[in-house]
Amino acid sequence: MANIPNCPQCQSEYAYEDGNLFVCPECAHEWTAESQKEAEESAKTRDVNGNELQDGDMVTIIKDLKVKGGSGPLKVGTKAKIRLVDGPNGHNLESKFDGVGTLYIKSEYVKKI
């Protein structure tokens, strides 16, 4: 028996294969193996250079970033250890900075060290 993935929409384990499609009997969602690979690839968090980011990676800021309520901006070259999150307004990284505290950052403003 083929390794059939769970439904990407409702996570049902009762999906079955119908030709080149996978079908979920619970929510009627249909998808292909290629579309699932594309969705998994696009869900990965990447830095400005396209490197995949993981929890605990060290990154550096590539642009001066204004900090709301802070005394000044985060300067280019500031290093930080990150954690992947689903933060507000599209911010997908969280990190602690000396003198500032914990901040949410978008991955497009960092590069992996």
PDB file of N, CA and C in Angstrom:
ATOM      1  N   MET A   1       0.839  -1.182   0.000  1.00  0.00           N
ATOM      2  CA  MET A   1       0.000   0.000   0.000  1.00  0.00           C
ATOM      3  C   MET A   1       0.883   1.244   0.000  1.00  0.00           C
ATOM      4  N   ALA A   2       0.509   2.225  -0.762  1.00  0.00           N
ATOM      5  CA  ALA A   2       1.281   3.462  -0.896  1.00  0.00           C
ATOM      6  C   ALA A   2       1.182   4.283   0.381  1.00  0.00           C
ATOM      7  N   ASN A   3       2.189   5.122   0.603  1.00  0.00           N
ATOM      8  CA  ASN A   3       2.198   6.017   1.744  1.00  0.00           C
ATOM      9  C   ASN A   3       1.344   7.235   1.395  1.00  0.00           C
ATOM     10  N   ILE A   4       0.110   7.249   1.845  1.00  0.00           N
ATOM     11  CA  ILE A   4      -0.824   8.324   1.520  1.00  0.00           C
ATOM     12  C   ILE A   4      -0.818   9.334   2.663  1.00  0.00           C
ATOM     13  N   PRO A   5      -0.548  10.619   2.353  1.00  0.00           N
ATOM     14  CA  PRO A   5      -0.479  11.647   3.396  1.00  0.00           C
ATOM     15  C   PRO A   5      -1.856  12.007   3.946  1.00  0.00           C
ATOM     16  N   ASN A   6      -1.864  12.582   5.131  1.00  0.00           N
ATOM     17  CA  ASN A   6      -3.104  13.111   5.695  1.00  0.00           C
ATOM     18  C   ASN A   6      -3.575  14.291   4.861  1.00  0.00           C
ATOM     19  N   CYS A   7      -4.858  14.577   4.915  1.00  0.00           N
ATOM     20  CA  CYS A   7      -5.433  15.696   4.170  1.00  0.00           C
ATOM     21  C   CYS A   7      -4.808  17.007   4.661  1.00  0.00           C
ATOM     22  N   PRO A   8      -4.295  17.842   3.760  1.00  0.00           N
ATOM     23  CA  PRO A   8      -3.693  19.107   4.191  1.00  0.00           C
ATOM     24  C   PRO A   8      -4.717  20.122   4.691  1.00  0.00           C
ATOM     25  N   GLN A   9      -5.987  19.906   4.387  1.00  0.00           N
ATOM     26  CA  GLN A   9      -7.011  20.858   4.798  1.00  0.00           C
ATOM     27  C   GLN A   9      -7.602  20.519   6.167  1.00  0.00           C
ATOM     28  N   CYS A  10      -7.968  19.256   6.387  1.00  0.00           N
ATOM     29  CA  CYS A  10      -8.612  18.883   7.654  1.00  0.00           C
ATOM     30  C   CYS A  10      -7.805  17.876   8.471  1.00  0.00           C
ATOM     31  N   GLN A  11      -6.642  17.459   7.964  1.00  0.00           N
ATOM     32  CA  GLN A  11      -5.741  16.503   8.620  1.00  0.00           C
ATOM     33  C   GLN A  11      -6.359  15.111   8.806  1.00  0.00           C
ATOM     34  N   SER A  12      -7.358  14.770   8.013  1.00  0.00           N
ATOM     35  CA  SER A  12      -7.980  13.448   8.084  1.00  0.00           C
ATOM     36  C   SER A  12      -6.989  12.380   7.637  1.00  0.00           C
ATOM     37  N   GLU A  13      -6.995  11.266   8.326  1.00  0.00           N
ATOM     38  CA  GLU A  13      -6.099  10.164   7.970  1.00  0.00           C
ATOM     39  C   GLU A  13      -6.744   9.189   6.992  1.00  0.00           C
ATOM     40  N   TYR A  14      -7.975   9.472   6.562  1.00  0.00           N
ATOM     41  CA  TYR A  14      -8.712   8.558   5.689  1.00  0.00           C
ATOM     42  C   TYR A  14      -8.625   8.919   4.210  1.00  0.00           C
ATOM     43  N   ALA A  15      -7.653   9.726   3.822  1.00  0.00           N
ATOM     44  CA  ALA A  15      -7.483  10.103   2.417  1.00  0.00           C
ATOM     45  C   ALA A  15      -7.146   8.857   1.600  1.00  0.00           C
ATOM     46  N   TYR A  16      -7.534   8.893   0.336  1.00  0.00           N
ATOM     47  CA  TYR A  16      -7.224   7.779  -0.554  1.00  0.00           C
ATOM     48  C   TYR A  16      -6.739   8.316  -1.895  1.00  0.00           C
ATOM     49  N   GLU A  17      -6.129   7.418  -2.662  1.00  0.00           N
ATOM     50  CA  GLU A  17      -5.568   7.795  -3.954  1.00  0.00           C
ATOM     51  C   GLU A  17      -6.556   7.444  -5.059  1.00  0.00           C
ATOM     52  N   ASP A  18      -6.774   8.403  -5.977  1.00  0.00           N
ATOM     53  CA  ASP A  18      -7.674   8.200  -7.114  1.00  0.00           C
ATOM     54  C   ASP A  18      -6.948   8.673  -8.364  1.00  0.00           C
ATOM     55  N   GLY A  19      -6.275   7.762  -9.039  1.00  0.00           N
ATOM     56  CA  GLY A  19      -5.459   8.138 -10.192  1.00  0.00           C
ATOM     57  C   GLY A  19      -4.223   8.887  -9.702  1.00  0.00           C
ATOM     58  N   ASN A  20      -4.044  10.137 -10.187  1.00  0.00           N
ATOM     59  CA  ASN A  20      -2.907  10.925  -9.717  1.00  0.00           C
ATOM     60  C   ASN A  20      -3.318  11.927  -8.634  1.00  0.00           C
ATOM     61  N   LEU A  21      -4.542  11.828  -8.147  1.00  0.00           N
ATOM     62  CA  LEU A  21      -5.040  12.711  -7.091  1.00  0.00           C
ATOM     63  C   LEU A  21      -5.167  11.975  -5.770  1.00  0.00           C
ATOM     64  N   PHE A  22      -5.023  12.726  -4.684  1.00  0.00           N
ATOM     65  CA  PHE A  22      -5.394  12.239  -3.362  1.00  0.00           C
ATOM     66  C   PHE A  22      -6.732  12.889  -3.039  1.00  0.00           C
ATOM     67  N   VAL A  23      -7.644  12.140  -2.430  1.00  0.00           N
ATOM     68  CA  VAL A  23      -8.982  12.642  -2.127  1.00  0.00           C
ATOM     69  C   VAL A  23      -9.275  12.407  -0.657  1.00  0.00           C
ATOM     70  N   CYS A  24      -9.865  13.414  -0.013  1.00  0.00           N
ATOM     71  CA  CYS A  24     -10.281  13.287   1.382  1.00  0.00           C
ATOM     72  C   CYS A  24     -11.785  13.038   1.419  1.00  0.00           C
ATOM     73  N   PRO A  25     -12.234  11.919   1.995  1.00  0.00           N
ATOM     74  CA  PRO A  25     -13.665  11.643   2.037  1.00  0.00           C
ATOM     75  C   PRO A  25     -14.418  12.503   3.066  1.00  0.00           C
ATOM     76  N   GLU A  26     -13.707  13.114   3.985  1.00  0.00           N
ATOM     77  CA  GLU A  26     -14.373  13.898   5.026  1.00  0.00           C
ATOM     78  C   GLU A  26     -14.675  15.324   4.590  1.00  0.00           C
ATOM     79  N   CYS A  27     -13.735  15.968   3.876  1.00  0.00           N
ATOM     80  CA  CYS A  27     -13.957  17.368   3.480  1.00  0.00           C
ATOM     81  C   CYS A  27     -14.008  17.551   1.966  1.00  0.00           C
ATOM     82  N   ALA A  28     -13.822  16.461   1.200  1.00  0.00           N
ATOM     83  CA  ALA A  28     -13.877  16.458  -0.261  1.00  0.00           C
ATOM     84  C   ALA A  28     -12.741  17.257  -0.908  1.00  0.00           C
ATOM     85  N   HIS A  29     -11.661  17.481  -0.173  1.00  0.00           N
ATOM     86  CA  HIS A  29     -10.504  18.185  -0.733  1.00  0.00           C
ATOM     87  C   HIS A  29      -9.715  17.229  -1.620  1.00  0.00           C
ATOM     88  N   GLU A  30      -9.270  17.737  -2.778  1.00  0.00           N
ATOM     89  CA  GLU A  30      -8.447  16.953  -3.701  1.00  0.00           C
ATOM     90  C   GLU A  30      -7.126  17.664  -3.906  1.00  0.00           C
ATOM     91  N   TRP A  31      -6.021  16.908  -3.953  1.00  0.00           N
ATOM     92  CA  TRP A  31      -4.705  17.495  -4.165  1.00  0.00           C
ATOM     93  C   TRP A  31      -3.791  16.464  -4.804  1.00  0.00           C
ATOM     94  N   THR A  32      -2.695  16.963  -5.384  1.00  0.00           N
ATOM     95  CA  THR A  32      -1.707  16.089  -6.008  1.00  0.00           C
ATOM     96  C   THR A  32      -0.460  16.039  -5.126  1.00  0.00           C
ATOM     97  N   ALA A  33       0.388  15.082  -5.384  1.00  0.00           N
ATOM     98  CA  ALA A  33       1.638  14.967  -4.626  1.00  0.00           C
ATOM     99  C   ALA A  33       2.522  16.181  -4.893  1.00  0.00           C
ATOM    100  N   GLU A  34       2.519  16.688  -6.131  1.00  0.00           N
ATOM    101  CA  GLU A  34       3.329  17.848  -6.478  1.00  0.00           C
ATOM    102  C   GLU A  34       2.854  19.095  -5.734  1.00  0.00           C
ATOM    103  N   SER A  35       1.539  19.296  -5.656  1.00  0.00           N
ATOM    104  CA  SER A  35       1.017  20.478  -4.963  1.00  0.00           C
ATOM    105  C   SER A  35       1.325  20.407  -3.469  1.00  0.00           C
ATOM    106  N   GLN A  36       1.339  19.210  -2.911  1.00  0.00           N
ATOM    107  CA  GLN A  36       1.677  19.071  -1.499  1.00  0.00           C
ATOM    108  C   GLN A  36       3.151  19.392  -1.258  1.00  0.00           C
ATOM    109  N   LYS A  37       4.029  18.948  -2.147  1.00  0.00           N
ATOM    110  CA  LYS A  37       5.455  19.264  -2.014  1.00  0.00           C
ATOM    111  C   LYS A  37       5.679  20.766  -2.121  1.00  0.00           C
ATOM    112  N   GLU A  38       4.983  21.427  -3.054  1.00  0.00           N
ATOM    113  CA  GLU A  38       5.097  22.874  -3.209  1.00  0.00           C
ATOM    114  C   GLU A  38       4.617  23.602  -1.958  1.00  0.00           C
ATOM    115  N   ALA A  39       3.522  23.142  -1.377  1.00  0.00           N
ATOM    116  CA  ALA A  39       2.978  23.771  -0.166  1.00  0.00           C
ATOM    117  C   ALA A  39       3.938  23.599   1.014  1.00  0.00           C
ATOM    118  N   GLU A  40       4.542  22.419   1.142  1.00  0.00           N
ATOM    119  CA  GLU A  40       5.500  22.183   2.221  1.00  0.00           C
ATOM    120  C   GLU A  40       6.739  23.052   2.034  1.00  0.00           C
ATOM    121  N   GLU A  41       7.181  23.220   0.787  1.00  0.00           N
ATOM    122  CA  GLU A  41       8.358  24.034   0.498  1.00  0.00           C
ATOM    123  C   GLU A  41       8.087  25.515   0.778  1.00  0.00           C
ATOM    124  N   SER A  42       6.909  25.998   0.421  1.00  0.00           N
ATOM    125  CA  SER A  42       6.597  27.412   0.635  1.00  0.00           C
ATOM    126  C   SER A  42       6.345  27.716   2.109  1.00  0.00           C
ATOM    127  N   ALA A  43       6.055  26.719   2.912  1.00  0.00           N
ATOM    128  CA  ALA A  43       5.795  26.936   4.338  1.00  0.00           C
ATOM    129  C   ALA A  43       7.094  27.107   5.136  1.00  0.00           C
ATOM    130  N   LYS A  44       8.228  26.811   4.534  1.00  0.00           N
ATOM    131  CA  LYS A  44       9.501  26.950   5.226  1.00  0.00           C
ATOM    132  C   LYS A  44       9.865  28.427   5.363  1.00  0.00           C
ATOM    133  N   THR A  45      10.464  28.781   6.486  1.00  0.00           N
ATOM    134  CA  THR A  45      10.887  30.157   6.723  1.00  0.00           C
ATOM    135  C   THR A  45      12.297  30.326   6.179  1.00  0.00           C
ATOM    136  N   ARG A  46      12.475  31.350   5.345  1.00  0.00           N
ATOM    137  CA  ARG A  46      13.762  31.585   4.696  1.00  0.00           C
ATOM    138  C   ARG A  46      14.235  33.009   4.958  1.00  0.00           C
ATOM    139  N   ASP A  47      15.566  33.173   4.993  1.00  0.00           N
ATOM    140  CA  ASP A  47      16.137  34.510   5.188  1.00  0.00           C
ATOM    141  C   ASP A  47      16.192  35.248   3.854  1.00  0.00           C
ATOM    142  N   VAL A  48      16.808  36.416   3.844  1.00  0.00           N
ATOM    143  CA  VAL A  48      16.863  37.247   2.651  1.00  0.00           C
ATOM    144  C   VAL A  48      17.616  36.567   1.504  1.00  0.00           C
ATOM    145  N   ASN A  49      18.539  35.674   1.792  1.00  0.00           N
ATOM    146  CA  ASN A  49      19.310  34.965   0.768  1.00  0.00           C
ATOM    147  C   ASN A  49      18.694  33.631   0.371  1.00  0.00           C
ATOM    148  N   GLY A  50      17.580  33.261   0.962  1.00  0.00           N
ATOM    149  CA  GLY A  50      16.916  32.009   0.622  1.00  0.00           C
ATOM    150  C   GLY A  50      17.350  30.826   1.457  1.00  0.00           C
ATOM    151  N   ASN A  51      18.162  31.046   2.491  1.00  0.00           N
ATOM    152  CA  ASN A  51      18.575  29.953   3.377  1.00  0.00           C
ATOM    153  C   ASN A  51      17.442  29.627   4.340  1.00  0.00           C
ATOM    154  N   GLU A  52      17.212  28.343   4.560  1.00  0.00           N
ATOM    155  CA  GLU A  52      16.154  27.927   5.475  1.00  0.00           C
ATOM    156  C   GLU A  52      16.562  28.218   6.919  1.00  0.00           C
ATOM    157  N   LEU A  53      15.638  28.793   7.687  1.00  0.00           N
ATOM    158  CA  LEU A  53      15.901  29.128   9.083  1.00  0.00           C
ATOM    159  C   LEU A  53      15.254  28.096  10.000  1.00  0.00           C
ATOM    160  N   GLN A  54      15.935  27.802  11.102  1.00  0.00           N
ATOM    161  CA  GLN A  54      15.457  26.870  12.121  1.00  0.00           C
ATOM    162  C   GLN A  54      15.502  27.563  13.478  1.00  0.00           C
ATOM    163  N   ASP A  55      14.782  27.016  14.465  1.00  0.00           N
ATOM    164  CA  ASP A  55      14.871  27.531  15.831  1.00  0.00           C
ATOM    165  C   ASP A  55      16.316  27.467  16.304  1.00  0.00           C
ATOM    166  N   GLY A  56      16.780  28.539  16.946  1.00  0.00           N
ATOM    167  CA  GLY A  56      18.115  28.566  17.507  1.00  0.00           C
ATOM    168  C   GLY A  56      19.205  29.046  16.559  1.00  0.00           C
ATOM    169  N   ASP A  57      18.873  29.345  15.306  1.00  0.00           N
ATOM    170  CA  ASP A  57      19.875  29.857  14.360  1.00  0.00           C
ATOM    171  C   ASP A  57      20.323  31.248  14.766  1.00  0.00           C
ATOM    172  N   MET A  58      21.578  31.558  14.480  1.00  0.00           N
ATOM    173  CA  MET A  58      22.091  32.903  14.673  1.00  0.00           C
ATOM    174  C   MET A  58      21.908  33.667  13.368  1.00  0.00           C
ATOM    175  N   VAL A  59      21.380  34.875  13.473  1.00  0.00           N
ATOM    176  CA  VAL A  59      21.164  35.718  12.308  1.00  0.00           C
ATOM    177  C   VAL A  59      21.729  37.105  12.575  1.00  0.00           C
ATOM    178  N   THR A  60      21.865  37.873  11.509  1.00  0.00           N
ATOM    179  CA  THR A  60      22.278  39.255  11.620  1.00  0.00           C
ATOM    180  C   THR A  60      21.264  40.128  10.891  1.00  0.00           C
ATOM    181  N   ILE A  61      21.014  41.311  11.411  1.00  0.00           N
ATOM    182  CA  ILE A  61      20.073  42.256  10.818  1.00  0.00           C
ATOM    183  C   ILE A  61      20.733  42.889   9.587  1.00  0.00           C
ATOM    184  N   ILE A  62      19.999  42.997   8.470  1.00  0.00           N
ATOM    185  CA  ILE A  62      20.576  43.540   7.240  1.00  0.00           C
ATOM    186  C   ILE A  62      20.170  44.984   6.976  1.00  0.00           C
ATOM    187  N   LYS A  63      19.307  45.546   7.814  1.00  0.00           N
ATOM    188  CA  LYS A  63      18.786  46.887   7.595  1.00  0.00           C
ATOM    189  C   LYS A  63      18.468  47.493   8.956  1.00  0.00           C
ATOM    190  N   ASP A  64      18.698  48.803   9.130  1.00  0.00           N
ATOM    191  CA  ASP A  64      18.300  49.453  10.378  1.00  0.00           C
ATOM    192  C   ASP A  64      16.790  49.312  10.536  1.00  0.00           C
ATOM    193  N   LEU A  65      16.356  48.802  11.696  1.00  0.00           N
ATOM    194  CA  LEU A  65      14.936  48.593  11.958  1.00  0.00           C
ATOM    195  C   LEU A  65      14.475  49.490  13.095  1.00  0.00           C
ATOM    196  N   LYS A  66      13.402  50.248  12.856  1.00  0.00           N
ATOM    197  CA  LYS A  66      12.837  51.089  13.901  1.00  0.00           C
ATOM    198  C   LYS A  66      12.149  50.199  14.921  1.00  0.00           C
ATOM    199  N   VAL A  67      12.253  50.563  16.198  1.00  0.00           N
ATOM    200  CA  VAL A  67      11.637  49.802  17.269  1.00  0.00           C
ATOM    201  C   VAL A  67      10.565  50.680  17.901  1.00  0.00           C
ATOM    202  N   LYS A  68       9.310  50.247  17.837  1.00  0.00           N
ATOM    203  CA  LYS A  68       8.237  51.031  18.432  1.00  0.00           C
ATOM    204  C   LYS A  68       8.442  51.098  19.946  1.00  0.00           C
ATOM    205  N   GLY A  69       8.435  52.306  20.471  1.00  0.00           N
ATOM    206  CA  GLY A  69       8.604  52.486  21.906  1.00  0.00           C
ATOM    207  C   GLY A  69      10.036  52.338  22.371  1.00  0.00           C
ATOM    208  N   GLY A  70      10.951  52.135  21.459  1.00  0.00           N
ATOM    209  CA  GLY A  70      12.356  51.963  21.811  1.00  0.00           C
ATOM    210  C   GLY A  70      13.114  53.276  21.736  1.00  0.00           C
ATOM    211  N   SER A  71      14.299  53.296  22.298  1.00  0.00           N
ATOM    212  CA  SER A  71      15.104  54.508  22.298  1.00  0.00           C
ATOM    213  C   SER A  71      15.794  54.749  20.958  1.00  0.00           C
ATOM    214  N   GLY A  72      15.970  53.720  20.180  1.00  0.00           N
ATOM    215  CA  GLY A  72      16.636  53.873  18.894  1.00  0.00           C
ATOM    216  C   GLY A  72      16.429  52.638  18.042  1.00  0.00           C
ATOM    217  N   PRO A  73      16.912  52.682  16.804  1.00  0.00           N
ATOM    218  CA  PRO A  73      16.720  51.539  15.904  1.00  0.00           C
ATOM    219  C   PRO A  73      17.694  50.398  16.195  1.00  0.00           C
ATOM    220  N   LEU A  74      17.357  49.212  15.694  1.00  0.00           N
ATOM    221  CA  LEU A  74      18.306  48.098  15.680  1.00  0.00           C
ATOM    222  C   LEU A  74      19.227  48.348  14.500  1.00  0.00           C
ATOM    223  N   LYS A  75      20.500  48.342  14.722  1.00  0.00           N
ATOM    224  CA  LYS A  75      21.476  48.679  13.689  1.00  0.00           C
ATOM    225  C   LYS A  75      21.813  47.474  12.810  1.00  0.00           C
ATOM    226  N   VAL A  76      22.263  47.782  11.611  1.00  0.00           N
ATOM    227  CA  VAL A  76      22.737  46.749  10.686  1.00  0.00           C
ATOM    228  C   VAL A  76      23.865  45.976  11.357  1.00  0.00           C
ATOM    229  N   GLY A  77      23.847  44.654  11.226  1.00  0.00           N
ATOM    230  CA  GLY A  77      24.908  43.822  11.785  1.00  0.00           C
ATOM    231  C   GLY A  77      24.629  43.318  13.181  1.00  0.00           C
ATOM    232  N   THR A  78      23.506  43.753  13.790  1.00  0.00           N
ATOM    233  CA  THR A  78      23.158  43.256  15.115  1.00  0.00           C
ATOM    234  C   THR A  78      22.881  41.760  15.021  1.00  0.00           C
ATOM    235  N   LYS A  79      23.525  40.979  15.894  1.00  0.00           N
ATOM    236  CA  LYS A  79      23.365  39.523  15.869  1.00  0.00           C
ATOM    237  C   LYS A  79      22.349  39.096  16.906  1.00  0.00           C
ATOM    238  N   ALA A  80      21.628  38.020  16.605  1.00  0.00           N
ATOM    239  CA  ALA A  80      20.632  37.502  17.526  1.00  0.00           C
ATOM    240  C   ALA A  80      20.369  36.035  17.249  1.00  0.00           C
ATOM    241  N   LYS A  81      19.926  35.325  18.276  1.00  0.00           N
ATOM    242  CA  LYS A  81      19.473  33.946  18.139  1.00  0.00           C
ATOM    243  C   LYS A  81      17.960  34.023  17.988  1.00  0.00           C
ATOM    244  N   ILE A  82      17.410  33.298  17.016  1.00  0.00           N
ATOM    245  CA  ILE A  82      15.990  33.418  16.706  1.00  0.00           C
ATOM    246  C   ILE A  82      15.184  32.198  17.124  1.00  0.00           C
ATOM    247  N   ARG A  83      13.881  32.415  17.156  1.00  0.00           N
ATOM    248  CA  ARG A  83      12.910  31.353  17.372  1.00  0.00           C
ATOM    249  C   ARG A  83      11.806  31.569  16.345  1.00  0.00           C
ATOM    250  N   LEU A  84      11.385  30.519  15.636  1.00  0.00           N
ATOM    251  CA  LEU A  84      10.322  30.630  14.640  1.00  0.00           C
ATOM    252  C   LEU A  84       8.981  30.713  15.340  1.00  0.00           C
ATOM    253  N   VAL A  85       8.168  31.706  14.968  1.00  0.00           N
ATOM    254  CA  VAL A  85       6.844  31.909  15.558  1.00  0.00           C
ATOM    255  C   VAL A  85       5.878  32.352  14.465  1.00  0.00           C
ATOM    256  N   ASP A  86       4.615  32.387  14.801  1.00  0.00           N
ATOM    257  CA  ASP A  86       3.596  32.956  13.927  1.00  0.00           C
ATOM    258  C   ASP A  86       3.113  34.220  14.607  1.00  0.00           C
ATOM    259  N   GLY A  87       3.891  35.276  14.485  1.00  0.00           N
ATOM    260  CA  GLY A  87       3.638  36.517  15.198  1.00  0.00           C
ATOM    261  C   GLY A  87       2.654  37.428  14.481  1.00  0.00           C
ATOM    262  N   PRO A  88       2.424  38.603  15.057  1.00  0.00           N
ATOM    263  CA  PRO A  88       1.473  39.552  14.480  1.00  0.00           C
ATOM    264  C   PRO A  88       2.009  40.210  13.215  1.00  0.00           C
ATOM    265  N   ASN A  89       1.112  40.564  12.312  1.00  0.00           N
ATOM    266  CA  ASN A  89       1.425  41.320  11.090  1.00  0.00           C
ATOM    267  C   ASN A  89       2.511  40.690  10.225  1.00  0.00           C
ATOM    268  N   GLY A  90       2.535  39.377  10.128  1.00  0.00           N
ATOM    269  CA  GLY A  90       3.488  38.711   9.250  1.00  0.00           C
ATOM    270  C   GLY A  90       4.882  38.539   9.814  1.00  0.00           C
ATOM    271  N   HIS A  91       5.090  38.909  11.070  1.00  0.00           N
ATOM    272  CA  HIS A  91       6.402  38.716  11.691  1.00  0.00           C
ATOM    273  C   HIS A  91       6.532  37.243  12.050  1.00  0.00           C
ATOM    274  N   ASN A  92       7.567  36.590  11.529  1.00  0.00           N
ATOM    275  CA  ASN A  92       7.691  35.148  11.719  1.00  0.00           C
ATOM    276  C   ASN A  92       8.909  34.730  12.541  1.00  0.00           C
ATOM    277  N   LEU A  93       9.625  35.692  13.124  1.00  0.00           N
ATOM    278  CA  LEU A  93      10.765  35.391  13.984  1.00  0.00           C
ATOM    279  C   LEU A  93      10.629  36.155  15.295  1.00  0.00           C
ATOM    280  N   GLU A  94      11.156  35.569  16.354  1.00  0.00           N
ATOM    281  CA  GLU A  94      11.175  36.234  17.654  1.00  0.00           C
ATOM    282  C   GLU A  94      12.596  36.151  18.191  1.00  0.00           C
ATOM    283  N   SER A  95      13.065  37.243  18.787  1.00  0.00           N
ATOM    284  CA  SER A  95      14.416  37.256  19.323  1.00  0.00           C
ATOM    285  C   SER A  95      14.522  38.255  20.457  1.00  0.00           C
ATOM    286  N   LYS A  96      15.501  38.028  21.341  1.00  0.00           N
ATOM    287  CA  LYS A  96      15.779  38.955  22.435  1.00  0.00           C
ATOM    288  C   LYS A  96      17.000  39.786  22.074  1.00  0.00           C
ATOM    289  N   PHE A  97      16.914  41.090  22.329  1.00  0.00           N
ATOM    290  CA  PHE A  97      18.022  41.992  22.062  1.00  0.00           C
ATOM    291  C   PHE A  97      18.390  42.706  23.350  1.00  0.00           C
ATOM    292  N   ASP A  98      19.691  42.879  23.597  1.00  0.00           N
ATOM    293  CA  ASP A  98      20.164  43.581  24.786  1.00  0.00           C
ATOM    294  C   ASP A  98      19.669  45.024  24.756  1.00  0.00           C
ATOM    295  N   GLY A  99      19.109  45.475  25.856  1.00  0.00           N
ATOM    296  CA  GLY A  99      18.644  46.843  25.981  1.00  0.00           C
ATOM    297  C   GLY A  99      17.292  47.114  25.354  1.00  0.00           C
ATOM    298  N   VAL A 100      16.754  46.152  24.603  1.00  0.00           N
ATOM    299  CA  VAL A 100      15.475  46.353  23.930  1.00  0.00           C
ATOM    300  C   VAL A 100      14.436  45.360  24.440  1.00  0.00           C
ATOM    301  N   GLY A 101      14.827  44.107  24.590  1.00  0.00           N
ATOM    302  CA  GLY A 101      13.901  43.064  25.019  1.00  0.00           C
ATOM    303  C   GLY A 101      13.553  42.134  23.869  1.00  0.00           C
ATOM    304  N   THR A 102      12.410  41.478  23.976  1.00  0.00           N
ATOM    305  CA  THR A 102      11.964  40.532  22.967  1.00  0.00           C
ATOM    306  C   THR A 102      11.221  41.267  21.860  1.00  0.00           C
ATOM    307  N   LEU A 103      11.591  40.970  20.613  1.00  0.00           N
ATOM    308  CA  LEU A 103      10.970  41.606  19.457  1.00  0.00           C
ATOM    309  C   LEU A 103      10.580  40.561  18.421  1.00  0.00           C
ATOM    310  N   TYR A 104       9.528  40.881  17.679  1.00  0.00           N
ATOM    311  CA  TYR A 104       9.152  40.093  16.511  1.00  0.00           C
ATOM    312  C   TYR A 104       9.781  40.746  15.288  1.00  0.00           C
ATOM    313  N   ILE A 105      10.331  39.925  14.388  1.00  0.00           N
ATOM    314  CA  ILE A 105      11.010  40.415  13.194  1.00  0.00           C
ATOM    315  C   ILE A 105      10.522  39.607  11.999  1.00  0.00           C
ATOM    316  N   LYS A 106      10.502  40.218  10.834  1.00  0.00           N
ATOM    317  CA  LYS A 106      10.202  39.496   9.599  1.00  0.00           C
ATOM    318  C   LYS A 106      11.506  38.886   9.074  1.00  0.00           C
ATOM    319  N   SER A 107      11.408  37.693   8.518  1.00  0.00           N
ATOM    320  CA  SER A 107      12.599  36.983   8.048  1.00  0.00           C
ATOM    321  C   SER A 107      13.258  37.686   6.861  1.00  0.00           C
ATOM    322  N   GLU A 108      12.566  38.574   6.195  1.00  0.00           N
ATOM    323  CA  GLU A 108      13.159  39.278   5.048  1.00  0.00           C
ATOM    324  C   GLU A 108      14.189  40.310   5.462  1.00  0.00           C
ATOM    325  N   TYR A 109      14.317  40.591   6.754  1.00  0.00           N
ATOM    326  CA  TYR A 109      15.276  41.577   7.251  1.00  0.00           C
ATOM    327  C   TYR A 109      16.478  40.956   7.953  1.00  0.00           C
ATOM    328  N   VAL A 110      16.647  39.635   7.837  1.00  0.00           N
ATOM    329  CA  VAL A 110      17.773  38.974   8.476  1.00  0.00           C
ATOM    330  C   VAL A 110      18.492  38.063   7.488  1.00  0.00           C
ATOM    331  N   LYS A 111      19.746  37.757   7.804  1.00  0.00           N
ATOM    332  CA  LYS A 111      20.453  36.718   7.053  1.00  0.00           C
ATOM    333  C   LYS A 111      21.139  35.803   8.047  1.00  0.00           C
ATOM    334  N   LYS A 112      21.181  34.543   7.694  1.00  0.00           N
ATOM    335  CA  LYS A 112      21.752  33.511   8.543  1.00  0.00           C
ATOM    336  C   LYS A 112      23.275  33.667   8.589  1.00  0.00           C
ATOM    337  N   ILE A 113      23.827  33.482   9.790  1.00  0.00           N
ATOM    338  CA  ILE A 113      25.281  33.580   9.947  1.00  0.00           C
ATOM    339  C   ILE A 113      25.886  32.197   9.743  1.00  0.00           C
TER     340      ILE A 113
END
